Amino acid sequence: MSPSPALPPLPAAALRLGTLFAAAGYELYLVGGAVRDQVLGLSEEGEDIDLTTNARPGEVLELLEPVATAIWRQGEKFGTIGATVEGRAVEVTTYRREIYSSESRKPDVGFGDDLETDLSRRDFTINAMARDVLTGEMVDPFGGHHDLVARRLRTPLSPEISFQDDPLRMLRAARFGARLGMSFDPLVRVAANDLAERMSIVSGERIFAELDRLLSLPNPGDGLRFLWDTGVMGSALGVATLPAFDRVRVSAMAQQSPPDTGIRWAALVDFTGHTVEAAAAHLKMSSEHRRDLQALLTLQIPDSTAAAPLRAMLADHGKNLVIRAVALNRILARVEHDRLDRFVSAFEQLTAAVSREDLEPPMSGDDVQEVLGIRPGPAVGAALNYLRDEAVKNGPLSRSEAEALLIARRDPGGAEG
């Protein structure tokens, strides 16, 4: 046990369970990110409560059943029982020891009896702290509190062992460094550089999820720089050779607020020299995400600020995508900023008066058939497209204007009857 820094009271749910577990002869500790955030003075309200114990899953279940309003057992095989206690979501996990093979980041998990061994398997010292639920005392065998104060990211065991066992921890290092403003211990940098190729055993989905969390931070720059400098980013994205790290453009990304991860993903793909197709396939992105990146990276900002090109942008892409594409162009510096400013000013003036829906034909296909006296078929679609084009060229159409245009198009000579 180490002297505890001034920490907030433990959650009521944890205190209640601590009494129950102690009466049954078991240890119970608050563990991981919850302790880290308490040391940092961050609010934990609404967060899940992670606890660890020497009780086995069956014994945990017996202790939880009388006091929980709900119990879930999906993680029981791995030693975790979830429950709702005192209105809070709680997960109680039996002390674990893990054995990794070189071909997989998924360990063979066994249950243990020793808290320190359990803490040693965690990713970083700042997440390897625990608090005795009954006494509130801190258990910090690897110096996580000191590292938090020093803003230094280290691993409980050697980083070579940690990253060899689970290469995803290299991406997590980038996220914690960026999120908490922490420097990377030199040994962490060396190990990441040496083991970057281990990212090849991590699934694309897991890489995407972790990078997405990094890109959602207010300022992911330091984390991206770490991944770039160590070669982890290239390995994670399947890019053999990355361009040089562009500090200016990454800084511009950080200034984009609030964070739009779609814009940041598009910027990252561009930074790495990847194509959307290759990045999406490697990371197993959803079709929706792939389409969003493609749209952002291919949308061209027109030189003209005349009304017709602006209406065409609005009709083809919608206001939201256009504004997001402008933000991406600011990050990538593809278009001069003064030109972007002129475009945005004109586009916002237009969209204050006209919506995308206003540029749609003011009549349905059935209406077109009635006005022109035609049957369903390609001519109906052609007529609707003609009306859209006219609205883009000249502005929104009323119903009477649309009817007159269709009749004039059908009877170009203006003949009666």
Protein backbone atom coordinates (compact mmCIF):
# COMPACT_ATOMS: atom_id res chain seq x y z
CA MET A 1 0.00 0.00 0.00
CA SER A 2 1.20 3.52 -0.73
CA PRO A 3 0.14 6.79 0.88
CA SER A 4 -3.00 7.89 -0.92
CA PRO A 5 -3.16 11.31 -2.53
CA ALA A 6 -6.25 13.35 -1.74
CA LEU A 7 -8.93 11.45 -3.61
CA PRO A 8 -12.71 11.76 -3.79
CA PRO A 9 -14.96 9.36 -1.88
CA LEU A 10 -15.56 5.99 -3.47
CA PRO A 11 -18.92 5.44 -5.21
CA ALA A 12 -21.73 4.16 -3.00
CA ALA A 13 -22.06 1.02 -5.13
CA ALA A 14 -18.38 0.18 -4.60
CA LEU A 15 -18.63 0.76 -0.84
CA ARG A 16 -21.66 -1.50 -0.55
CA LEU A 17 -19.97 -4.27 -2.49
CA GLY A 18 -16.75 -3.84 -0.52
CA THR A 19 -18.59 -4.62 2.72
CA LEU A 20 -20.24 -7.70 1.18
CA PHE A 21 -17.03 -9.07 -0.30
CA ALA A 22 -15.04 -8.46 2.90
CA ALA A 23 -17.68 -10.27 4.97
CA ALA A 24 -17.27 -13.25 2.65
CA GLY A 25 -13.48 -13.11 3.01
CA TYR A 26 -12.62 -11.58 -0.38
CA GLU A 27 -10.62 -8.55 -1.49
CA LEU A 28 -12.21 -5.88 -3.67
CA TYR A 29 -10.48 -2.96 -5.40
CA LEU A 30 -11.50 -0.10 -7.64
CA VAL A 31 -9.12 -0.36 -10.56
CA GLY A 32 -7.86 1.08 -13.83
CA GLY A 33 -9.17 4.20 -15.52
CA ALA A 34 -11.50 5.06 -12.63
CA VAL A 35 -8.54 5.42 -10.26
CA ARG A 36 -6.54 7.32 -12.87
CA ASP A 37 -9.36 9.80 -13.38
CA GLN A 38 -9.80 10.24 -9.62
CA VAL A 39 -6.12 11.16 -9.31
CA LEU A 40 -6.56 13.64 -12.16
CA GLY A 41 -9.67 15.11 -10.54
CA LEU A 42 -11.86 14.19 -13.50
CA SER A 43 -15.56 13.56 -13.04
CA GLU A 44 -16.55 9.88 -12.99
CA GLU A 45 -20.29 10.49 -12.79
CA GLY A 46 -22.10 8.09 -15.09
CA GLU A 47 -19.00 6.02 -15.82
CA ASP A 48 -18.98 2.27 -15.28
CA ILE A 49 -17.32 1.17 -12.03
CA ASP A 50 -14.53 -1.35 -12.66
CA LEU A 51 -13.65 -3.55 -9.70
CA THR A 52 -11.27 -6.47 -9.29
CA THR A 53 -11.26 -9.27 -6.73
CA ASN A 54 -9.73 -12.61 -5.78
CA ALA A 55 -13.23 -14.15 -5.76
CA ARG A 56 -13.95 -16.46 -8.68
CA PRO A 57 -16.77 -15.59 -11.12
CA GLY A 58 -19.25 -18.01 -9.53
CA GLU A 59 -18.57 -16.53 -6.10
CA VAL A 60 -18.89 -13.00 -7.49
CA LEU A 61 -22.26 -13.94 -8.97
CA GLU A 62 -23.51 -15.26 -5.63
CA LEU A 63 -22.47 -12.05 -3.87
CA LEU A 64 -24.03 -9.77 -6.50
CA GLU A 65 -27.39 -11.49 -6.89
CA PRO A 66 -28.96 -10.25 -3.61
CA VAL A 67 -28.04 -6.58 -4.19
CA ALA A 68 -28.12 -6.12 -7.98
CA THR A 69 -31.17 -4.96 -9.92
CA ALA A 70 -29.70 -6.46 -13.11
CA ILE A 71 -26.86 -8.86 -13.89
CA TRP A 72 -25.12 -9.68 -17.16
CA ARG A 73 -22.80 -12.61 -17.66
CA GLN A 74 -21.45 -12.18 -21.20
CA GLY A 75 -17.90 -11.80 -19.90
CA GLU A 76 -18.08 -14.60 -17.33
CA LYS A 77 -15.74 -16.84 -19.32
CA PHE A 78 -13.08 -14.14 -18.97
CA GLY A 79 -13.82 -13.55 -15.30
CA THR A 80 -16.14 -10.54 -15.56
CA ILE A 81 -19.64 -10.27 -14.08
CA GLY A 82 -21.60 -7.09 -14.76
CA ALA A 83 -24.40 -5.71 -12.62
CA THR A 84 -26.41 -2.65 -11.73
CA VAL A 85 -25.92 -1.75 -8.06
CA GLU A 86 -27.18 1.44 -6.40
CA GLY A 87 -28.16 2.67 -9.86
CA ARG A 88 -24.61 2.34 -11.23
CA ALA A 89 -23.20 -0.09 -13.78
CA VAL A 90 -20.53 -2.21 -12.11
CA GLU A 91 -18.14 -4.77 -13.57
CA VAL A 92 -16.35 -7.12 -11.18
CA THR A 93 -13.45 -9.08 -12.66
CA THR A 94 -11.48 -11.84 -11.01
CA TYR A 95 -7.72 -11.24 -10.79
CA ARG A 96 -6.24 -12.47 -14.05
CA ARG A 97 -2.99 -13.66 -15.49
CA GLU A 98 -2.51 -13.79 -19.24
CA ILE A 99 -0.31 -15.77 -21.61
CA TYR A 100 0.12 -14.49 -25.17
CA SER A 101 1.25 -16.32 -28.30
CA SER A 102 3.32 -14.56 -30.94
CA GLU A 103 0.59 -15.01 -33.58
CA SER A 104 -2.26 -13.31 -31.72
CA ARG A 105 -3.02 -10.39 -29.44
CA LYS A 106 -5.75 -12.47 -27.77
CA PRO A 107 -4.36 -14.03 -24.59
CA ASP A 108 -5.06 -17.30 -22.87
CA VAL A 109 -6.61 -16.03 -19.65
CA GLY A 110 -6.28 -17.71 -16.29
CA PHE A 111 -7.54 -16.57 -12.91
CA GLY A 112 -5.08 -15.47 -10.25
CA ASP A 113 -4.93 -14.71 -6.54
CA ASP A 114 -2.56 -11.75 -6.57
CA LEU A 115 -3.53 -8.12 -7.20
CA GLU A 116 -0.05 -7.03 -8.26
CA THR A 117 0.12 -9.71 -10.94
CA ASP A 118 -3.26 -8.55 -12.21
CA LEU A 119 -2.08 -4.92 -12.33
CA SER A 120 1.14 -5.88 -14.11
CA ARG A 121 -0.79 -7.10 -17.17
CA ARG A 122 -2.39 -3.68 -17.75
CA ASP A 123 -1.29 -1.42 -20.56
CA PHE A 124 0.27 1.57 -18.74
CA THR A 125 1.30 2.42 -15.20
CA ILE A 126 -1.36 5.14 -15.06
CA ASN A 127 -3.97 2.41 -15.54
CA ALA A 128 -2.27 -0.03 -13.14
CA MET A 129 -3.38 1.65 -9.91
CA ALA A 130 -6.05 0.33 -7.56
CA ARG A 131 -7.92 1.54 -4.46
CA ASP A 132 -8.97 -0.70 -1.61
CA VAL A 133 -12.74 -0.29 -1.55
CA LEU A 134 -12.95 -0.56 2.25
CA THR A 135 -10.01 1.65 3.28
CA GLY A 136 -9.63 3.88 0.22
CA GLU A 137 -5.88 3.22 0.26
CA MET A 138 -4.00 3.34 -3.03
CA VAL A 139 -2.16 0.31 -4.39
CA ASP A 140 0.40 1.56 -6.91
CA PRO A 141 3.22 -0.96 -7.38
CA PHE A 142 4.42 0.47 -10.69
CA GLY A 143 4.47 4.20 -9.93
CA GLY A 144 1.42 5.24 -11.90
CA HIS A 145 0.65 8.20 -9.64
CA HIS A 146 4.18 9.53 -10.01
CA ASP A 147 3.94 9.13 -13.78
CA LEU A 148 0.66 11.04 -13.84
CA VAL A 149 2.24 13.90 -11.92
CA ALA A 150 5.28 13.82 -14.22
CA ARG A 151 3.02 13.49 -17.29
CA ARG A 152 5.04 10.51 -18.47
CA LEU A 153 3.64 7.41 -20.18
CA ARG A 154 5.29 4.12 -19.16
CA THR A 155 4.31 0.44 -19.10
CA PRO A 156 4.18 -1.68 -15.90
CA LEU A 157 6.47 -4.32 -17.39
CA SER A 158 9.03 -3.63 -20.10
CA PRO A 159 7.39 -2.01 -23.15
CA GLU A 160 8.90 -4.75 -25.34
CA ILE A 161 6.87 -7.35 -23.44
CA SER A 162 3.77 -5.15 -23.32
CA PHE A 163 3.73 -4.29 -27.03
CA GLN A 164 4.82 -7.77 -28.10
CA ASP A 165 1.89 -9.21 -26.17
CA ASP A 166 -0.67 -6.70 -27.44
CA PRO A 167 0.42 -4.39 -30.28
CA LEU A 168 -2.81 -2.39 -30.00
CA ARG A 169 -1.24 -0.83 -26.91
CA MET A 170 0.99 1.22 -29.21
CA LEU A 171 -2.12 2.96 -30.57
CA ARG A 172 -3.46 3.34 -27.04
CA ALA A 173 -0.17 4.97 -26.07
CA ALA A 174 -0.76 7.60 -28.74
CA ARG A 175 -4.28 8.23 -27.49
CA PHE A 176 -3.34 8.56 -23.82
CA GLY A 177 -0.37 10.75 -24.68
CA ALA A 178 -2.58 13.11 -26.69
CA ARG A 179 -5.54 13.04 -24.33
CA LEU A 180 -3.60 13.64 -21.11
CA GLY A 181 -0.74 15.72 -22.51
CA MET A 182 1.83 13.08 -21.53
CA SER A 183 5.33 12.56 -22.89
CA PHE A 184 6.37 9.12 -24.06
CA ASP A 185 9.04 7.38 -22.03
CA PRO A 186 12.13 6.82 -24.24
CA LEU A 187 11.85 3.06 -23.76
CA VAL A 188 8.24 3.22 -24.99
CA ARG A 189 9.39 5.00 -28.14
CA VAL A 190 12.18 2.49 -28.77
CA ALA A 191 9.87 -0.49 -28.28
CA ALA A 192 7.19 0.98 -30.55
CA ASN A 193 9.78 1.60 -33.25
CA ASP A 194 11.13 -1.94 -32.94
CA LEU A 195 7.72 -3.62 -32.81
CA ALA A 196 5.70 -1.48 -35.23
CA GLU A 197 5.34 -4.41 -37.63
CA ARG A 198 3.47 -6.32 -34.91
CA MET A 199 0.43 -4.22 -35.85
CA SER A 200 -0.06 -6.73 -38.68
CA ILE A 201 -1.65 -9.21 -36.23
CA VAL A 202 -4.30 -6.67 -35.14
CA SER A 203 -7.62 -6.67 -36.99
CA GLY A 204 -8.47 -3.69 -39.16
CA GLU A 205 -11.64 -3.11 -37.14
CA ARG A 206 -9.68 -2.75 -33.89
CA ILE A 207 -7.14 -0.42 -35.49
CA PHE A 208 -9.94 1.72 -36.91
CA ALA A 209 -11.72 1.93 -33.54
CA GLU A 210 -8.57 2.98 -31.70
CA LEU A 211 -7.52 5.55 -34.30
CA ASP A 212 -11.07 6.89 -34.34
CA ARG A 213 -10.84 7.50 -30.59
CA LEU A 214 -7.54 9.32 -31.11
CA LEU A 215 -8.99 11.49 -33.88
CA SER A 216 -11.99 12.40 -31.71
CA LEU A 217 -9.74 14.11 -29.13
CA PRO A 218 -9.55 17.91 -29.11
CA ASN A 219 -5.87 17.79 -30.13
CA PRO A 220 -4.60 14.45 -31.47
CA GLY A 221 -1.37 15.96 -32.81
CA ASP A 222 1.14 14.56 -30.31
CA GLY A 223 -0.36 11.10 -30.63
CA LEU A 224 -0.20 11.21 -34.42
CA ARG A 225 3.41 12.41 -34.26
CA PHE A 226 4.32 9.46 -32.00
CA LEU A 227 2.71 6.97 -34.39
CA TRP A 228 4.38 8.61 -37.37
CA ASP A 229 7.86 8.80 -35.87
CA THR A 230 7.86 5.20 -34.66
CA GLY A 231 6.49 3.70 -37.88
CA VAL A 232 3.38 2.42 -36.12
CA MET A 233 1.06 4.50 -38.31
CA GLY A 234 2.42 3.06 -41.53
CA SER A 235 2.13 -0.48 -40.20
CA ALA A 236 -1.36 0.17 -38.81
CA LEU A 237 -2.62 1.50 -42.15
CA GLY A 238 -0.69 -0.90 -44.35
CA VAL A 239 1.38 1.88 -45.95
CA ALA A 240 4.95 0.84 -46.69
CA THR A 241 6.40 4.37 -46.82
CA LEU A 242 4.76 7.40 -45.23
CA PRO A 243 5.36 10.97 -46.39
CA ALA A 244 7.17 13.20 -43.90
CA PHE A 245 5.08 14.27 -40.91
CA ASP A 246 3.36 17.56 -41.75
CA ARG A 247 3.26 19.50 -38.49
CA VAL A 248 1.49 22.50 -40.04
CA ARG A 249 -1.40 20.52 -41.49
CA VAL A 250 -1.78 18.36 -38.37
CA SER A 251 -1.90 21.57 -36.33
CA ALA A 252 -4.64 22.84 -38.65
CA MET A 253 -6.52 19.59 -38.00
CA ALA A 254 -6.33 20.19 -34.25
CA GLN A 255 -7.83 23.66 -34.68
CA GLN A 256 -10.92 22.19 -36.34
CA SER A 257 -13.51 22.41 -33.58
CA PRO A 258 -15.62 20.71 -32.50
CA PRO A 259 -13.82 17.60 -33.74
CA ASP A 260 -15.43 16.06 -36.82
CA THR A 261 -13.84 12.63 -37.08
CA GLY A 262 -15.01 12.24 -40.67
CA ILE A 263 -13.05 15.33 -41.70
CA ARG A 264 -10.05 14.18 -39.67
CA TRP A 265 -10.13 10.71 -41.20
CA ALA A 266 -10.19 12.27 -44.67
CA ALA A 267 -7.21 14.43 -43.71
CA LEU A 268 -5.35 11.43 -42.29
CA VAL A 269 -5.91 9.41 -45.46
CA ASP A 270 -4.55 12.33 -47.47
CA PHE A 271 -1.58 12.81 -45.10
CA THR A 272 -0.54 9.17 -45.52
CA GLY A 273 -0.84 9.12 -49.30
CA HIS A 274 -3.39 6.31 -49.04
CA THR A 275 -6.43 6.07 -51.29
CA VAL A 276 -9.86 5.91 -49.69
CA GLU A 277 -10.41 2.48 -51.23
CA ALA A 278 -7.18 1.05 -49.82
CA ALA A 279 -7.62 2.59 -46.37
CA ALA A 280 -11.27 1.53 -46.14
CA ALA A 281 -10.46 -2.04 -47.18
CA HIS A 282 -7.50 -2.36 -44.80
CA LEU A 283 -9.44 -0.98 -41.82
CA LYS A 284 -12.74 -2.70 -42.69
CA MET A 285 -14.59 0.63 -42.67
CA SER A 286 -18.36 0.65 -43.05
CA SER A 287 -19.81 1.54 -46.45
CA GLU A 288 -21.24 4.72 -44.95
CA HIS A 289 -17.85 5.84 -43.65
CA ARG A 290 -16.17 4.98 -46.95
CA ARG A 291 -18.73 7.04 -48.90
CA ASP A 292 -18.30 9.99 -46.54
CA LEU A 293 -14.51 10.01 -46.98
CA GLN A 294 -14.84 9.69 -50.75
CA ALA A 295 -17.31 12.58 -50.90
CA LEU A 296 -15.16 14.84 -48.72
CA LEU A 297 -11.97 14.19 -50.65
CA THR A 298 -13.45 14.46 -54.14
CA LEU A 299 -15.73 17.49 -53.72
CA GLN A 300 -14.20 20.40 -55.64
CA ILE A 301 -14.69 23.96 -54.40
CA PRO A 302 -15.62 26.08 -57.46
CA ASP A 303 -13.69 29.20 -58.40
CA SER A 304 -16.89 31.11 -59.08
CA THR A 305 -19.10 32.62 -56.41
CA ALA A 306 -21.92 33.24 -58.88
CA ALA A 307 -25.35 32.06 -57.78
CA ALA A 308 -25.75 29.20 -60.29
CA PRO A 309 -22.55 27.29 -59.34
CA LEU A 310 -23.39 27.77 -55.67
CA ARG A 311 -26.91 26.44 -56.20
CA ALA A 312 -25.42 23.47 -58.05
CA MET A 313 -23.17 22.71 -55.06
CA LEU A 314 -26.14 22.92 -52.72
CA ALA A 315 -28.37 20.74 -54.93
CA ASP A 316 -25.73 18.10 -55.59
CA HIS A 317 -24.15 17.79 -52.14
CA GLY A 318 -26.24 19.54 -49.49
CA LYS A 319 -25.08 22.33 -47.18
CA ASN A 320 -23.50 20.13 -44.51
CA LEU A 321 -21.18 18.24 -46.85
CA VAL A 322 -20.09 21.44 -48.61
CA ILE A 323 -19.21 23.17 -45.33
CA ARG A 324 -17.32 20.07 -44.15
CA ALA A 325 -15.42 19.90 -47.44
CA VAL A 326 -14.40 23.53 -46.97
CA ALA A 327 -13.08 22.67 -43.50
CA LEU A 328 -11.09 19.77 -44.98
CA ASN A 329 -9.64 22.04 -47.66
CA ARG A 330 -8.48 24.44 -44.96
CA ILE A 331 -6.60 21.59 -43.25
CA LEU A 332 -5.10 20.24 -46.47
CA ALA A 333 -4.29 23.73 -47.82
CA ARG A 334 -5.48 22.66 -51.27
CA VAL A 335 -7.23 25.97 -51.87
CA GLU A 336 -6.06 29.44 -50.87
CA HIS A 337 -7.75 30.55 -47.65
CA ASP A 338 -8.93 33.87 -49.08
CA ARG A 339 -10.65 32.00 -51.92
CA LEU A 340 -12.29 29.69 -49.38
CA ASP A 341 -13.40 32.71 -47.37
CA ARG A 342 -15.04 34.26 -50.44
CA PHE A 343 -16.76 30.99 -51.28
CA VAL A 344 -18.05 30.48 -47.72
CA SER A 345 -19.38 34.04 -47.53
CA ALA A 346 -21.29 33.67 -50.80
CA PHE A 347 -22.48 30.13 -49.99
CA GLU A 348 -23.78 31.12 -46.56
CA GLN A 349 -25.58 34.11 -48.06
CA LEU A 350 -27.23 31.81 -50.60
CA THR A 351 -28.22 29.12 -48.09
CA ALA A 352 -29.71 31.72 -45.77
CA ALA A 353 -32.35 32.25 -48.45
CA VAL A 354 -32.49 28.89 -50.26
CA SER A 355 -32.52 25.31 -48.98
CA ARG A 356 -31.64 22.16 -50.89
CA GLU A 357 -35.32 21.20 -50.85
CA ASP A 358 -36.19 24.52 -52.53
CA LEU A 359 -34.21 23.39 -55.58
CA GLU A 360 -36.25 20.21 -55.98
CA PRO A 361 -39.11 20.22 -58.55
CA PRO A 362 -42.32 21.58 -56.98
CA MET A 363 -44.29 18.67 -58.42
CA SER A 364 -44.27 14.88 -58.36
CA GLY A 365 -43.96 12.39 -61.18
CA ASP A 366 -47.74 11.99 -61.17
CA ASP A 367 -48.10 15.75 -61.56
CA VAL A 368 -45.73 15.71 -64.54
CA GLN A 369 -47.80 12.97 -66.20
CA GLU A 370 -50.97 14.98 -65.71
CA VAL A 371 -49.52 18.27 -66.99
CA LEU A 372 -47.91 16.69 -70.06
CA GLY A 373 -50.53 14.02 -70.65
CA ILE A 374 -47.95 11.23 -70.72
CA ARG A 375 -47.68 7.73 -69.29
CA PRO A 376 -45.11 6.57 -66.71
CA GLY A 377 -41.67 6.13 -68.27
CA PRO A 378 -38.28 7.75 -68.88
CA ALA A 379 -39.88 10.97 -70.08
CA VAL A 380 -41.17 11.64 -66.55
CA GLY A 381 -37.69 11.37 -65.04
CA ALA A 382 -36.27 13.53 -67.82
CA ALA A 383 -38.87 16.21 -67.09
CA LEU A 384 -38.08 16.23 -63.37
CA ASN A 385 -34.35 16.48 -64.11
CA TYR A 386 -35.05 19.38 -66.45
CA LEU A 387 -36.90 21.21 -63.67
CA ARG A 388 -34.00 20.60 -61.25
CA ASP A 389 -31.57 22.01 -63.78
CA GLU A 390 -33.73 25.08 -64.29
CA ALA A 391 -33.95 25.67 -60.53
CA VAL A 392 -30.15 25.43 -60.25
CA LYS A 393 -29.67 27.87 -63.13
CA ASN A 394 -32.29 30.44 -62.19
CA GLY A 395 -33.50 29.78 -58.65
CA PRO A 396 -36.41 27.93 -57.00
CA LEU A 397 -39.53 27.39 -59.08
CA SER A 398 -43.16 27.83 -58.14
CA ARG A 399 -45.72 25.25 -59.27
CA SER A 400 -47.05 27.52 -62.00
CA GLU A 401 -43.53 28.32 -63.24
CA ALA A 402 -42.69 24.62 -63.39
CA GLU A 403 -45.85 23.82 -65.36
CA ALA A 404 -45.13 26.64 -67.80
CA LEU A 405 -41.56 25.41 -68.34
CA LEU A 406 -42.71 21.85 -69.02
CA ILE A 407 -45.36 22.96 -71.49
CA ALA A 408 -42.91 25.29 -73.27
CA ARG A 409 -40.38 22.43 -73.45
CA ARG A 410 -43.03 20.13 -74.91
CA ASP A 411 -44.30 22.77 -77.36
CA PRO A 412 -41.19 24.82 -78.22
CA GLY A 413 -42.97 26.66 -81.03
CA GLY A 414 -45.72 27.79 -78.73
CA ALA A 415 -48.39 26.28 -80.98
CA GLU A 416 -51.89 26.12 -79.58
CA GLY A 417 -53.95 22.98 -79.26
